[in-house]
Amino acid sequence: MRQEKICAIPVWHHGLARYDTIFVSMDDTFNGMLSMEVAHVLCFFSFVYTNGYSYSCALIHWFDHIADEPDNLMGMWMVRPSFMADSSKNLSVIHVDNIVHGVHLLPIFRHEQVLQSVDFHNSLDIYRRFYVNCFADYHAFELAS
């Protein structure tokens, strides 16, 4: 697979923030989306443990699958941000080796009008349901089909 950049930075090219979404490997006994979860990268960091090894990690906000299969109409999986019982974000720290690929999420607009203030930097906060865009590139199609 090709190399790609996954970003989690507060300023992108002297402009707005960029925090990418990713596929996270969870269960190798399944194929495709059943083996992965979707997450929003909030921060990359590394630390040196007492054994002297450096661990590269990511702080992520999980997304939940809305159904156990793709949407019948669109043919794409649907996800939504995951929250704890107290309404706080469901966050985790993962090793970067668990990141499979970047993922493009498309907001599910329903019937509401799209606000002019919606942009790439805030759409994950404004919308609550998303399609996993399996048509973004070849690798996404292979992973999310």
N, C-alpha and C. Protein backbone atom coordinates (compact mmCIF):
# COMPACT_ATOMS: atom_id res chain seq x y z
N MET A 1 0.85 -1.18 0.00
CA MET A 1 0.00 0.00 0.00
C MET A 1 0.89 1.24 0.00
N ARG A 2 0.42 2.27 -0.60
CA ARG A 2 1.17 3.52 -0.67
C ARG A 2 1.25 4.18 0.71
N GLN A 3 2.13 5.13 0.83
CA GLN A 3 2.26 5.89 2.06
C GLN A 3 1.35 7.10 1.99
N GLU A 4 0.74 7.46 3.09
CA GLU A 4 -0.11 8.65 3.10
C GLU A 4 0.11 9.42 4.39
N LYS A 5 -0.16 10.70 4.35
CA LYS A 5 -0.04 11.54 5.54
C LYS A 5 -1.40 11.64 6.21
N ILE A 6 -1.39 11.44 7.50
CA ILE A 6 -2.59 11.63 8.31
C ILE A 6 -2.26 12.75 9.28
N CYS A 7 -3.10 13.77 9.29
CA CYS A 7 -2.79 15.00 10.04
C CYS A 7 -3.66 15.17 11.28
N ALA A 8 -3.08 15.81 12.26
CA ALA A 8 -3.79 16.28 13.44
C ALA A 8 -3.06 17.54 13.89
N ILE A 9 -3.42 18.66 13.24
CA ILE A 9 -2.70 19.91 13.49
C ILE A 9 -3.68 21.08 13.62
N PRO A 10 -3.39 22.01 14.54
CA PRO A 10 -4.31 23.13 14.77
C PRO A 10 -4.31 24.18 13.67
N VAL A 11 -3.24 24.24 12.85
CA VAL A 11 -3.17 25.21 11.76
C VAL A 11 -2.63 24.50 10.53
N TRP A 12 -3.40 24.48 9.45
CA TRP A 12 -3.00 23.81 8.21
C TRP A 12 -2.71 24.87 7.15
N HIS A 13 -1.45 24.98 6.75
CA HIS A 13 -1.01 25.95 5.73
C HIS A 13 -1.48 27.38 6.06
N HIS A 14 -1.21 27.81 7.27
CA HIS A 14 -1.56 29.15 7.75
C HIS A 14 -3.07 29.40 7.75
N GLY A 15 -3.84 28.34 7.83
CA GLY A 15 -5.30 28.49 7.79
C GLY A 15 -5.96 27.76 8.95
N LEU A 16 -6.98 27.01 8.62
CA LEU A 16 -7.79 26.34 9.63
C LEU A 16 -7.16 25.02 10.07
N ALA A 17 -7.71 24.47 11.14
CA ALA A 17 -7.21 23.20 11.68
C ALA A 17 -7.51 22.04 10.73
N ARG A 18 -6.72 20.98 10.85
CA ARG A 18 -6.97 19.75 10.09
C ARG A 18 -6.75 18.56 11.00
N TYR A 19 -7.82 17.84 11.28
CA TYR A 19 -7.78 16.64 12.09
C TYR A 19 -8.44 15.52 11.29
N ASP A 20 -7.64 14.61 10.76
CA ASP A 20 -8.12 13.59 9.83
C ASP A 20 -8.87 12.46 10.54
N THR A 21 -9.62 11.71 9.75
CA THR A 21 -10.31 10.51 10.23
C THR A 21 -9.60 9.30 9.64
N ILE A 22 -9.68 8.18 10.36
CA ILE A 22 -8.88 7.00 10.02
C ILE A 22 -9.68 5.71 10.20
N PHE A 23 -9.19 4.66 9.53
CA PHE A 23 -9.60 3.29 9.83
C PHE A 23 -8.62 2.75 10.86
N VAL A 24 -9.14 2.10 11.91
CA VAL A 24 -8.32 1.48 12.94
C VAL A 24 -8.55 -0.03 12.90
N SER A 25 -7.47 -0.79 12.79
CA SER A 25 -7.56 -2.25 12.77
C SER A 25 -7.96 -2.76 14.15
N MET A 26 -9.00 -3.61 14.18
CA MET A 26 -9.51 -4.11 15.46
C MET A 26 -9.51 -5.63 15.55
N ASP A 27 -9.89 -6.33 14.46
CA ASP A 27 -10.09 -7.77 14.52
C ASP A 27 -9.71 -8.39 13.18
N ASP A 28 -8.57 -9.05 13.13
CA ASP A 28 -8.08 -9.63 11.87
C ASP A 28 -8.84 -10.86 11.42
N THR A 29 -9.77 -11.36 12.23
CA THR A 29 -10.54 -12.55 11.83
C THR A 29 -11.66 -12.19 10.87
N PHE A 30 -11.96 -10.91 10.71
CA PHE A 30 -12.98 -10.46 9.76
C PHE A 30 -12.31 -9.72 8.61
N ASN A 31 -13.08 -9.45 7.57
CA ASN A 31 -12.59 -8.68 6.42
C ASN A 31 -13.33 -7.36 6.33
N GLY A 32 -12.71 -6.39 5.66
CA GLY A 32 -13.37 -5.12 5.38
C GLY A 32 -13.75 -4.35 6.64
N MET A 33 -14.90 -3.69 6.57
CA MET A 33 -15.36 -2.83 7.66
C MET A 33 -15.62 -3.60 8.95
N LEU A 34 -15.90 -4.88 8.86
CA LEU A 34 -16.16 -5.65 10.08
C LEU A 34 -14.89 -5.85 10.89
N SER A 35 -13.73 -5.62 10.29
CA SER A 35 -12.47 -5.78 11.01
C SER A 35 -11.92 -4.45 11.52
N MET A 36 -12.62 -3.35 11.22
CA MET A 36 -12.10 -2.02 11.55
C MET A 36 -13.14 -1.14 12.21
N GLU A 37 -12.64 -0.12 12.87
CA GLU A 37 -13.48 0.95 13.40
C GLU A 37 -12.99 2.25 12.77
N VAL A 38 -13.84 3.25 12.83
CA VAL A 38 -13.50 4.59 12.32
C VAL A 38 -13.23 5.48 13.52
N ALA A 39 -12.24 6.36 13.39
CA ALA A 39 -11.89 7.27 14.48
C ALA A 39 -11.43 8.61 13.90
N HIS A 40 -11.48 9.62 14.74
CA HIS A 40 -11.07 10.98 14.42
C HIS A 40 -9.79 11.25 15.21
N VAL A 41 -8.69 11.52 14.52
CA VAL A 41 -7.40 11.75 15.20
C VAL A 41 -7.38 13.15 15.79
N LEU A 42 -7.11 13.24 17.08
CA LEU A 42 -7.04 14.53 17.77
C LEU A 42 -5.61 14.98 18.02
N CYS A 43 -4.69 14.01 18.14
CA CYS A 43 -3.31 14.35 18.49
C CYS A 43 -2.40 13.15 18.24
N PHE A 44 -1.21 13.41 17.75
CA PHE A 44 -0.16 12.39 17.68
C PHE A 44 0.89 12.74 18.73
N PHE A 45 1.43 11.73 19.39
CA PHE A 45 2.49 11.96 20.37
C PHE A 45 3.30 10.68 20.53
N SER A 46 4.44 10.80 21.16
CA SER A 46 5.24 9.61 21.47
C SER A 46 5.84 9.80 22.86
N PHE A 47 6.21 8.68 23.44
CA PHE A 47 6.84 8.73 24.76
C PHE A 47 7.84 7.58 24.86
N VAL A 48 8.81 7.75 25.73
CA VAL A 48 9.79 6.70 25.99
C VAL A 48 9.43 6.07 27.31
N TYR A 49 9.18 4.76 27.27
CA TYR A 49 8.80 4.02 28.47
C TYR A 49 10.05 3.67 29.26
N THR A 50 9.88 3.15 30.47
CA THR A 50 11.01 2.84 31.34
C THR A 50 11.94 1.78 30.74
N ASN A 51 11.45 0.99 29.79
CA ASN A 51 12.30 -0.01 29.15
C ASN A 51 13.18 0.59 28.05
N GLY A 52 13.04 1.90 27.81
CA GLY A 52 13.85 2.59 26.82
C GLY A 52 13.26 2.63 25.43
N TYR A 53 12.15 1.95 25.21
CA TYR A 53 11.51 1.95 23.90
C TYR A 53 10.62 3.18 23.73
N SER A 54 10.61 3.70 22.51
CA SER A 54 9.75 4.83 22.18
C SER A 54 8.46 4.30 21.55
N TYR A 55 7.33 4.79 22.02
CA TYR A 55 6.02 4.37 21.52
C TYR A 55 5.34 5.57 20.84
N SER A 56 4.98 5.39 19.58
CA SER A 56 4.27 6.42 18.83
C SER A 56 2.78 6.14 18.93
N CYS A 57 2.03 7.14 19.37
CA CYS A 57 0.61 6.95 19.67
C CYS A 57 -0.25 8.05 19.05
N ALA A 58 -1.55 7.81 19.09
CA ALA A 58 -2.53 8.81 18.65
C ALA A 58 -3.67 8.85 19.65
N LEU A 59 -4.12 10.05 19.97
CA LEU A 59 -5.34 10.23 20.76
C LEU A 59 -6.48 10.32 19.76
N ILE A 60 -7.49 9.46 19.93
CA ILE A 60 -8.57 9.40 18.94
C ILE A 60 -9.94 9.50 19.60
N HIS A 61 -10.90 9.96 18.81
CA HIS A 61 -12.32 9.95 19.18
C HIS A 61 -12.97 8.88 18.31
N TRP A 62 -13.54 7.86 18.95
CA TRP A 62 -14.15 6.75 18.23
C TRP A 62 -15.45 7.15 17.55
N PHE A 63 -15.77 6.44 16.48
CA PHE A 63 -17.07 6.50 15.82
C PHE A 63 -17.71 5.13 15.94
N ASP A 64 -19.03 5.09 16.09
CA ASP A 64 -19.77 3.83 16.16
C ASP A 64 -20.40 3.53 14.81
N HIS A 65 -20.45 2.24 14.46
CA HIS A 65 -21.21 1.83 13.28
C HIS A 65 -22.69 2.01 13.59
N ILE A 66 -23.45 2.53 12.65
CA ILE A 66 -24.89 2.71 12.84
C ILE A 66 -25.62 1.40 12.57
N ALA A 67 -25.11 0.59 11.66
CA ALA A 67 -25.72 -0.71 11.34
C ALA A 67 -24.62 -1.73 11.11
N ASP A 68 -25.00 -2.99 11.02
CA ASP A 68 -24.04 -4.07 10.79
C ASP A 68 -23.79 -4.34 9.31
N GLU A 69 -24.30 -3.47 8.46
CA GLU A 69 -24.12 -3.61 7.02
C GLU A 69 -24.24 -2.24 6.37
N PRO A 70 -23.77 -2.11 5.13
CA PRO A 70 -23.88 -0.81 4.45
C PRO A 70 -25.34 -0.41 4.23
N ASP A 71 -25.56 0.89 4.09
CA ASP A 71 -26.88 1.43 3.79
C ASP A 71 -27.37 0.88 2.45
N ASN A 72 -28.63 0.44 2.40
CA ASN A 72 -29.19 -0.15 1.18
C ASN A 72 -29.23 0.83 0.02
N LEU A 73 -29.55 2.08 0.29
CA LEU A 73 -29.70 3.07 -0.76
C LEU A 73 -28.35 3.53 -1.33
N MET A 74 -27.41 3.86 -0.46
CA MET A 74 -26.14 4.43 -0.90
C MET A 74 -25.03 3.39 -1.08
N GLY A 75 -25.16 2.24 -0.44
CA GLY A 75 -24.12 1.22 -0.53
C GLY A 75 -22.89 1.54 0.30
N MET A 76 -23.02 2.48 1.23
CA MET A 76 -21.89 2.87 2.08
C MET A 76 -22.23 2.61 3.54
N TRP A 77 -21.20 2.30 4.33
CA TRP A 77 -21.38 2.15 5.77
C TRP A 77 -21.70 3.50 6.38
N MET A 78 -22.42 3.48 7.49
CA MET A 78 -22.75 4.72 8.20
C MET A 78 -22.16 4.65 9.61
N VAL A 79 -21.64 5.79 10.06
CA VAL A 79 -21.06 5.89 11.40
C VAL A 79 -21.53 7.17 12.07
N ARG A 80 -21.35 7.21 13.38
CA ARG A 80 -21.66 8.42 14.16
C ARG A 80 -20.62 8.53 15.28
N PRO A 81 -20.34 9.74 15.75
CA PRO A 81 -19.39 9.91 16.85
C PRO A 81 -19.87 9.14 18.08
N SER A 82 -18.93 8.54 18.79
CA SER A 82 -19.24 7.75 19.97
C SER A 82 -19.08 8.59 21.23
N PHE A 83 -20.06 8.48 22.12
CA PHE A 83 -20.03 9.23 23.38
C PHE A 83 -20.25 8.30 24.56
N MET A 84 -19.70 8.66 25.69
CA MET A 84 -19.86 7.90 26.92
C MET A 84 -21.23 8.20 27.53
N ALA A 85 -21.57 7.50 28.60
CA ALA A 85 -22.87 7.69 29.26
C ALA A 85 -23.04 9.11 29.78
N ASP A 86 -21.94 9.78 30.16
CA ASP A 86 -22.02 11.15 30.67
C ASP A 86 -21.93 12.20 29.56
N SER A 87 -22.07 11.78 28.30
CA SER A 87 -22.03 12.64 27.10
C SER A 87 -20.64 13.15 26.73
N SER A 88 -19.61 12.66 27.40
CA SER A 88 -18.25 13.03 27.00
C SER A 88 -17.83 12.16 25.81
N LYS A 89 -16.87 12.65 25.04
CA LYS A 89 -16.39 11.91 23.87
C LYS A 89 -15.74 10.59 24.30
N ASN A 90 -15.97 9.55 23.52
CA ASN A 90 -15.34 8.26 23.76
C ASN A 90 -13.94 8.31 23.15
N LEU A 91 -12.95 8.58 23.99
CA LEU A 91 -11.57 8.77 23.56
C LEU A 91 -10.70 7.58 23.94
N SER A 92 -9.65 7.36 23.16
CA SER A 92 -8.67 6.32 23.45
C SER A 92 -7.31 6.76 22.95
N VAL A 93 -6.29 6.13 23.50
CA VAL A 93 -4.93 6.26 22.98
C VAL A 93 -4.60 4.93 22.31
N ILE A 94 -4.17 4.99 21.05
CA ILE A 94 -3.81 3.78 20.31
C ILE A 94 -2.39 3.91 19.77
N HIS A 95 -1.78 2.78 19.49
CA HIS A 95 -0.47 2.78 18.84
C HIS A 95 -0.69 3.09 17.36
N VAL A 96 0.21 3.85 16.75
CA VAL A 96 0.03 4.23 15.35
C VAL A 96 0.06 3.03 14.40
N ASP A 97 0.63 1.91 14.82
CA ASP A 97 0.63 0.71 13.98
C ASP A 97 -0.77 0.16 13.75
N ASN A 98 -1.74 0.57 14.58
CA ASN A 98 -3.12 0.12 14.40
C ASN A 98 -3.88 0.95 13.37
N ILE A 99 -3.28 2.04 12.90
CA ILE A 99 -3.92 2.87 11.87
C ILE A 99 -3.70 2.20 10.52
N VAL A 100 -4.82 1.94 9.83
CA VAL A 100 -4.76 1.24 8.55
C VAL A 100 -4.67 2.22 7.38
N HIS A 101 -5.51 3.26 7.41
CA HIS A 101 -5.65 4.13 6.24
C HIS A 101 -6.49 5.33 6.66
N GLY A 102 -6.31 6.43 5.99
CA GLY A 102 -7.21 7.56 6.19
C GLY A 102 -8.58 7.22 5.62
N VAL A 103 -9.61 7.86 6.15
CA VAL A 103 -10.97 7.61 5.66
C VAL A 103 -11.67 8.95 5.45
N HIS A 104 -12.44 9.03 4.38
CA HIS A 104 -13.20 10.23 4.06
C HIS A 104 -14.64 10.02 4.51
N LEU A 105 -15.13 10.88 5.38
CA LEU A 105 -16.51 10.80 5.86
C LEU A 105 -17.36 11.87 5.18
N LEU A 106 -18.53 11.46 4.73
CA LEU A 106 -19.49 12.37 4.10
C LEU A 106 -20.65 12.61 5.05
N PRO A 107 -20.94 13.84 5.42
CA PRO A 107 -22.09 14.08 6.30
C PRO A 107 -23.38 13.57 5.67
N ILE A 108 -24.25 13.03 6.50
CA ILE A 108 -25.59 12.66 6.04
C ILE A 108 -26.46 13.88 6.29
N PHE A 109 -26.81 14.57 5.22
CA PHE A 109 -27.47 15.86 5.32
C PHE A 109 -28.96 15.77 5.64
N ARG A 110 -29.60 14.67 5.26
CA ARG A 110 -31.05 14.52 5.40
C ARG A 110 -31.74 15.63 4.62
N HIS A 111 -32.68 16.34 5.25
CA HIS A 111 -33.45 17.36 4.54
C HIS A 111 -33.09 18.79 4.94
N GLU A 112 -32.17 18.94 5.89
CA GLU A 112 -31.82 20.28 6.33
C GLU A 112 -30.93 20.98 5.31
N GLN A 113 -30.97 22.27 5.35
CA GLN A 113 -30.16 23.10 4.47
C GLN A 113 -28.73 23.12 5.01
N VAL A 114 -27.75 23.07 4.12
CA VAL A 114 -26.36 23.11 4.53
C VAL A 114 -25.98 24.55 4.85
N LEU A 115 -25.49 24.77 6.05
CA LEU A 115 -25.10 26.12 6.47
C LEU A 115 -23.84 26.56 5.72
N GLN A 116 -23.75 27.85 5.44
CA GLN A 116 -22.57 28.38 4.76
C GLN A 116 -21.33 28.31 5.65
N SER A 117 -21.52 28.22 6.95
CA SER A 117 -20.40 28.17 7.87
C SER A 117 -19.75 26.78 7.94
N VAL A 118 -20.36 25.77 7.33
CA VAL A 118 -19.80 24.42 7.36
C VAL A 118 -18.59 24.36 6.44
N ASP A 119 -17.50 23.83 6.98
CA ASP A 119 -16.26 23.69 6.24
C ASP A 119 -15.60 22.39 6.67
N PHE A 120 -14.47 22.05 6.06
CA PHE A 120 -13.80 20.80 6.39
C PHE A 120 -13.35 20.75 7.84
N HIS A 121 -13.10 21.88 8.45
CA HIS A 121 -12.58 21.89 9.81
C HIS A 121 -13.66 21.73 10.88
N ASN A 122 -14.94 21.93 10.57
CA ASN A 122 -15.97 21.85 11.61
C ASN A 122 -17.12 20.89 11.29
N SER A 123 -17.11 20.25 10.13
CA SER A 123 -18.24 19.40 9.76
C SER A 123 -18.40 18.19 10.69
N LEU A 124 -17.30 17.67 11.23
CA LEU A 124 -17.40 16.53 12.16
C LEU A 124 -18.05 16.94 13.48
N ASP A 125 -18.01 18.21 13.81
CA ASP A 125 -18.65 18.71 15.03
C ASP A 125 -20.11 19.10 14.79
N ILE A 126 -20.44 19.48 13.58
CA ILE A 126 -21.80 19.96 13.27
C ILE A 126 -22.75 18.81 12.99
N TYR A 127 -22.30 17.84 12.19
CA TYR A 127 -23.17 16.72 11.80
C TYR A 127 -22.98 15.54 12.74
N ARG A 128 -23.98 14.71 12.85
CA ARG A 128 -23.98 13.59 13.80
C ARG A 128 -23.95 12.22 13.14
N ARG A 129 -24.15 12.18 11.82
CA ARG A 129 -24.14 10.91 11.10
C ARG A 129 -23.36 11.10 9.81
N PHE A 130 -22.60 10.06 9.44
CA PHE A 130 -21.72 10.16 8.28
C PHE A 130 -21.71 8.86 7.48
N TYR A 131 -21.55 9.01 6.17
CA TYR A 131 -21.26 7.87 5.31
C TYR A 131 -19.75 7.69 5.26
N VAL A 132 -19.28 6.44 5.29
CA VAL A 132 -17.88 6.13 5.06
C VAL A 132 -17.70 6.06 3.55
N ASN A 133 -16.99 7.01 2.98
CA ASN A 133 -16.87 7.13 1.53
C ASN A 133 -15.92 6.07 0.98
N CYS A 134 -16.49 4.98 0.51
CA CYS A 134 -15.66 3.91 -0.06
C CYS A 134 -15.21 4.24 -1.48
N PHE A 135 -15.69 5.34 -2.03
CA PHE A 135 -15.34 5.72 -3.40
C PHE A 135 -14.25 6.80 -3.45
N ALA A 136 -13.66 7.13 -2.32
CA ALA A 136 -12.64 8.18 -2.27
C ALA A 136 -11.38 7.79 -3.04
N ASP A 137 -10.96 6.55 -2.92
CA ASP A 137 -9.81 6.03 -3.68
C ASP A 137 -9.87 4.51 -3.69
N TYR A 138 -8.95 3.92 -4.41
CA TYR A 138 -8.92 2.46 -4.57
C TYR A 138 -8.81 1.75 -3.23
N HIS A 139 -7.90 2.21 -2.37
CA HIS A 139 -7.68 1.55 -1.08
C HIS A 139 -8.91 1.65 -0.19
N ALA A 140 -9.56 2.80 -0.18
CA ALA A 140 -10.79 2.95 0.61
C ALA A 140 -11.86 2.00 0.10
N PHE A 141 -11.95 1.83 -1.20
CA PHE A 141 -12.94 0.92 -1.78
C PHE A 141 -12.66 -0.51 -1.33
N GLU A 142 -11.40 -0.91 -1.38
CA GLU A 142 -11.03 -2.27 -0.96
C GLU A 142 -11.30 -2.48 0.53
N LEU A 143 -11.04 -1.47 1.34
CA LEU A 143 -11.20 -1.60 2.78
C LEU A 143 -12.66 -1.54 3.22
N ALA A 144 -13.45 -0.67 2.62
CA ALA A 144 -14.81 -0.41 3.11
C ALA A 144 -15.89 -1.15 2.34
N SER A 145 -15.52 -1.97 1.40
CA SER A 145 -16.54 -2.71 0.63
C SER A 145 -16.88 -4.03 1.29
